[in-house]
C-alpha atoms as a PDB file:
ATOM      1  CA  MET A   1     -20.734 -33.650 114.444  1.00  0.00           C
ATOM      2  CA  GLU A   2     -22.265 -31.587 111.686  1.00  0.00           C
ATOM      3  CA  GLN A   3     -25.603 -32.446 110.117  1.00  0.00           C
ATOM      4  CA  ILE A   4     -24.026 -33.702 106.897  1.00  0.00           C
ATOM      5  CA  ASP A   5     -21.734 -36.067 108.831  1.00  0.00           C
ATOM      6  CA  LEU A   6     -24.704 -37.442 110.769  1.00  0.00           C
ATOM      7  CA  LEU A   7     -26.656 -37.882 107.538  1.00  0.00           C
ATOM      8  CA  LYS A   8     -23.753 -39.864 106.050  1.00  0.00           C
ATOM      9  CA  LEU A   9     -24.284 -42.418 108.829  1.00  0.00           C
ATOM     10  CA  ARG A  10     -27.897 -42.863 107.699  1.00  0.00           C
ATOM     11  CA  ILE A  11     -27.565 -42.757 103.902  1.00  0.00           C
ATOM     12  CA  PRO A  12     -24.935 -44.932 102.206  1.00  0.00           C
ATOM     13  CA  ASN A  13     -22.718 -43.532  99.447  1.00  0.00           C
ATOM     14  CA  LYS A  14     -24.065 -44.884  96.145  1.00  0.00           C
ATOM     15  CA  PHE A  15     -22.546 -42.112  94.050  1.00  0.00           C
ATOM     16  CA  ASP A  16     -19.593 -42.255  91.692  1.00  0.00           C
ATOM     17  CA  ASN A  17     -17.588 -39.720  93.709  1.00  0.00           C
ATOM     18  CA  ASP A  18     -17.612 -38.000  97.090  1.00  0.00           C
ATOM     19  CA  ASP A  19     -18.428 -34.553  95.680  1.00  0.00           C
ATOM     20  CA  ASN A  20     -21.692 -35.792  94.161  1.00  0.00           C
ATOM     21  CA  TYR A  21     -22.499 -37.596  97.406  1.00  0.00           C
ATOM     22  CA  ASN A  22     -21.860 -34.517  99.541  1.00  0.00           C
ATOM     23  CA  ASN A  23     -23.837 -32.279  97.163  1.00  0.00           C
ATOM     24  CA  ALA A  24     -26.803 -34.665  97.197  1.00  0.00           C
ATOM     25  CA  LEU A  25     -26.789 -34.852 100.986  1.00  0.00           C
ATOM     26  CA  GLN A  26     -26.592 -31.062 101.282  1.00  0.00           C
ATOM     27  CA  ILE A  27     -29.570 -30.696  98.945  1.00  0.00           C
ATOM     28  CA  LEU A  28     -31.560 -33.167 101.067  1.00  0.00           C
ATOM     29  CA  LEU A  29     -30.667 -31.242 104.238  1.00  0.00           C
ATOM     30  CA  ASP A  30     -31.614 -27.927 102.628  1.00  0.00           C
ATOM     31  CA  ASP A  31     -34.929 -29.313 101.377  1.00  0.00           C
ATOM     32  CA  ALA A  32     -35.769 -30.745 104.803  1.00  0.00           C
ATOM     33  CA  LYS A  33     -34.844 -27.450 106.458  1.00  0.00           C
ATOM     34  CA  ASN A  34     -37.022 -25.454 104.054  1.00  0.00           C
ATOM     35  CA  ILE A  35     -39.991 -27.764 104.606  1.00  0.00           C
ATOM     36  CA  ALA A  36     -39.548 -27.408 108.368  1.00  0.00           C
ATOM     37  CA  LEU A  37     -39.286 -23.620 108.244  1.00  0.00           C
ATOM     38  CA  ALA A  38     -42.298 -23.321 105.946  1.00  0.00           C
ATOM     39  CA  ASN A  39     -44.339 -25.332 108.443  1.00  0.00           C
ATOM     40  CA  LEU A  40     -42.907 -23.678 111.558  1.00  0.00           C
ATOM     41  CA  TYR A  41     -43.355 -20.112 110.290  1.00  0.00           C
ATOM     42  CA  PRO A  42     -46.349 -20.230 107.929  1.00  0.00           C
ATOM     43  CA  TYR A  43     -47.134 -16.509 108.260  1.00  0.00           C
ATOM     44  CA  GLU A  44     -43.613 -15.105 108.146  1.00  0.00           C
ATOM     45  CA  ASP A  45     -40.798 -14.695 105.674  1.00  0.00           C
ATOM     46  CA  TRP A  46     -38.586 -17.509 106.951  1.00  0.00           C
ATOM     47  CA  SER A  47     -35.871 -17.093 104.314  1.00  0.00           C
ATOM     48  CA  ASN A  48     -33.456 -15.547 106.854  1.00  0.00           C
ATOM     49  CA  ILE A  49     -34.440 -17.699 109.844  1.00  0.00           C
ATOM     50  CA  GLU A  50     -32.133 -20.478 111.001  1.00  0.00           C
ATOM     51  CA  LEU A  51     -33.663 -23.834 111.874  1.00  0.00           C
ATOM     52  CA  PRO A  52     -33.914 -24.075 115.683  1.00  0.00           C
ATOM     53  CA  LYS A  53     -31.439 -26.610 117.065  1.00  0.00           C
ATOM     54  CA  LYS A  54     -34.223 -28.684 118.630  1.00  0.00           C
ATOM     55  CA  TYR A  55     -35.285 -29.635 115.079  1.00  0.00           C
ATOM     56  CA  TYR A  56     -31.868 -30.900 113.927  1.00  0.00           C
ATOM     57  CA  ASN A  57     -32.854 -34.531 114.505  1.00  0.00           C
ATOM     58  CA  TRP A  58     -36.131 -33.877 112.678  1.00  0.00           C
ATOM     59  CA  GLN A  59     -34.144 -32.484 109.755  1.00  0.00           C
ATOM     60  CA  LEU A  60     -32.067 -35.666 109.554  1.00  0.00           C
ATOM     61  CA  ARG A  61     -35.094 -37.954 109.646  1.00  0.00           C
ATOM     62  CA  ALA A  62     -36.869 -35.823 107.042  1.00  0.00           C
ATOM     63  CA  ALA A  63     -33.800 -35.883 104.778  1.00  0.00           C
ATOM     64  CA  VAL A  64     -33.772 -39.689 104.975  1.00  0.00           C
ATOM     65  CA  GLU A  65     -37.468 -39.803 104.034  1.00  0.00           C
ATOM     66  CA  LEU A  66     -36.816 -37.440 101.120  1.00  0.00           C
ATOM     67  CA  TYR A  67     -33.936 -39.671  99.999  1.00  0.00           C
ATOM     68  CA  HIS A  68     -36.168 -42.740  99.965  1.00  0.00           C
ATOM     69  CA  PHE A  69     -38.813 -40.756  98.080  1.00  0.00           C
ATOM     70  CA  LEU A  70     -36.424 -39.873  95.215  1.00  0.00           C
ATOM     71  CA  GLY A  71     -37.762 -41.111  91.915  1.00  0.00           C
ATOM     72  CA  TYR A  72     -41.366 -41.090  93.095  1.00  0.00           C
ATOM     73  CA  GLU A  73     -41.920 -37.334  92.887  1.00  0.00           C
ATOM     74  CA  GLY A  74     -45.221 -36.433  91.289  1.00  0.00           C
ATOM     75  CA  ILE A  75     -46.832 -39.819  91.947  1.00  0.00           C
ATOM     76  CA  LYS A  76     -50.165 -39.298  93.693  1.00  0.00           C
ATOM     77  CA  SER A  77     -50.949 -42.967  94.169  1.00  0.00           C
ATOM     78  CA  TYR A  78     -49.782 -46.287  92.778  1.00  0.00           C
ATOM     79  CA  SER A  79     -51.050 -49.816  93.148  1.00  0.00           C
ATOM     80  CA  GLU A  80     -49.633 -53.109  91.976  1.00  0.00           C
ATOM     81  CA  ASN A  81     -50.158 -56.708  93.123  1.00  0.00           C
ATOM     82  CA  GLY A  82     -52.335 -55.635  96.026  1.00  0.00           C
ATOM     83  CA  LEU A  83     -49.798 -53.105  97.316  1.00  0.00           C
ATOM     84  CA  SER A  84     -50.624 -49.431  97.197  1.00  0.00           C
ATOM     85  CA  PHE A  85     -48.633 -46.249  97.623  1.00  0.00           C
ATOM     86  CA  SER A  86     -49.928 -42.714  98.159  1.00  0.00           C
ATOM     87  CA  ARG A  87     -47.796 -39.613  97.855  1.00  0.00           C
ATOM     88  CA  MET A  88     -46.935 -37.932 101.139  1.00  0.00           C
ATOM     89  CA  GLU A  89     -47.174 -34.175 101.705  1.00  0.00           C
ATOM     90  CA  ASP A  90     -43.879 -32.646 100.507  1.00  0.00           C
ATOM     91  CA  GLY A  91     -42.393 -36.158 100.437  1.00  0.00           C
ATOM     92  CA  ILE A  92     -42.494 -36.238 104.243  1.00  0.00           C
ATOM     93  CA  SER A  93     -44.750 -38.535 106.252  1.00  0.00           C
ATOM     94  CA  ALA A  94     -47.682 -36.979 108.114  1.00  0.00           C
ATOM     95  CA  ASP A  95     -46.351 -38.313 111.435  1.00  0.00           C
ATOM     96  CA  LEU A  96     -43.061 -36.507 110.940  1.00  0.00           C
ATOM     97  CA  LEU A  97     -44.786 -33.273 109.839  1.00  0.00           C
ATOM     98  CA  ASP A  98     -46.994 -33.428 112.940  1.00  0.00           C
ATOM     99  CA  GLU A  99     -43.871 -33.016 115.093  1.00  0.00           C
ATOM    100  CA  LEU A 100     -43.489 -29.438 113.832  1.00  0.00           C
ATOM    101  CA  ILE A 101     -45.356 -26.911 115.967  1.00  0.00           C
ATOM    102  CA  PRO A 102     -46.080 -23.768 113.913  1.00  0.00           C
ATOM    103  CA  LYS A 103     -45.419 -20.405 115.468  1.00  0.00           C
ATOM    104  CA  ALA A 104     -48.758 -18.749 116.177  1.00  0.00           C
ATOM    105  CA  GLY A 105     -49.225 -15.107 115.404  1.00  0.00           C
ATOM    106  CA  THR A 106     -50.833 -12.813 117.953  1.00  0.00           C
ATOM    107  CA  LEU A 107     -52.236  -9.318 117.882  1.00  0.00           C
ATOM    108  CA  LYS A 108     -50.006  -6.744 119.547  1.00  0.00           C
ATOM    109  CA  ARG A 109     -51.128  -3.519 121.129  1.00  0.00           C
ATOM    110  CA  THR A 110     -48.825  -0.570 120.779  1.00  0.00           C
ATOM    111  CA  GLU A 111     -48.671   1.794 123.736  1.00  0.00           C
ATOM    112  CA  GLU A 112     -47.972   4.835 121.563  1.00  0.00           C
ATOM    113  CA  GLU A 113     -51.034   4.539 119.413  1.00  0.00           C
ATOM    114  CA  GLY A 114     -53.275   2.759 121.908  1.00  0.00           C
ATOM    115  CA  GLU A 115     -54.640   0.526 119.217  1.00  0.00           C
ATOM    116  CA  THR A 116     -54.324  -3.092 118.173  1.00  0.00           C
ATOM    117  CA  LYS A 117     -52.252  -3.930 115.143  1.00  0.00           C
END
């Protein structure tokens, strides 16, 4: 199954037509993917990098969190009747973001020049 089909199993269709539903789900998947890539490759241009397959489930769970966060963008914190809400980083919970292991950069020595770059 493709990612969008799997996401349809997690997010019900509350849109007036299927095109709007599919477009909304694709936007959620793209946003989740971009958040993942930005965290996985913080020191690289990740615009042409595909999301590694091992993070496909992460992408689905992040898209669901982003869906539930719709309408609350920009809210830093909110409290009413003893209940409080604080904005999550990028709309994704810290626990979910902690599952992403960033690629670490290392110094490389070139044999031709004999120096470290």
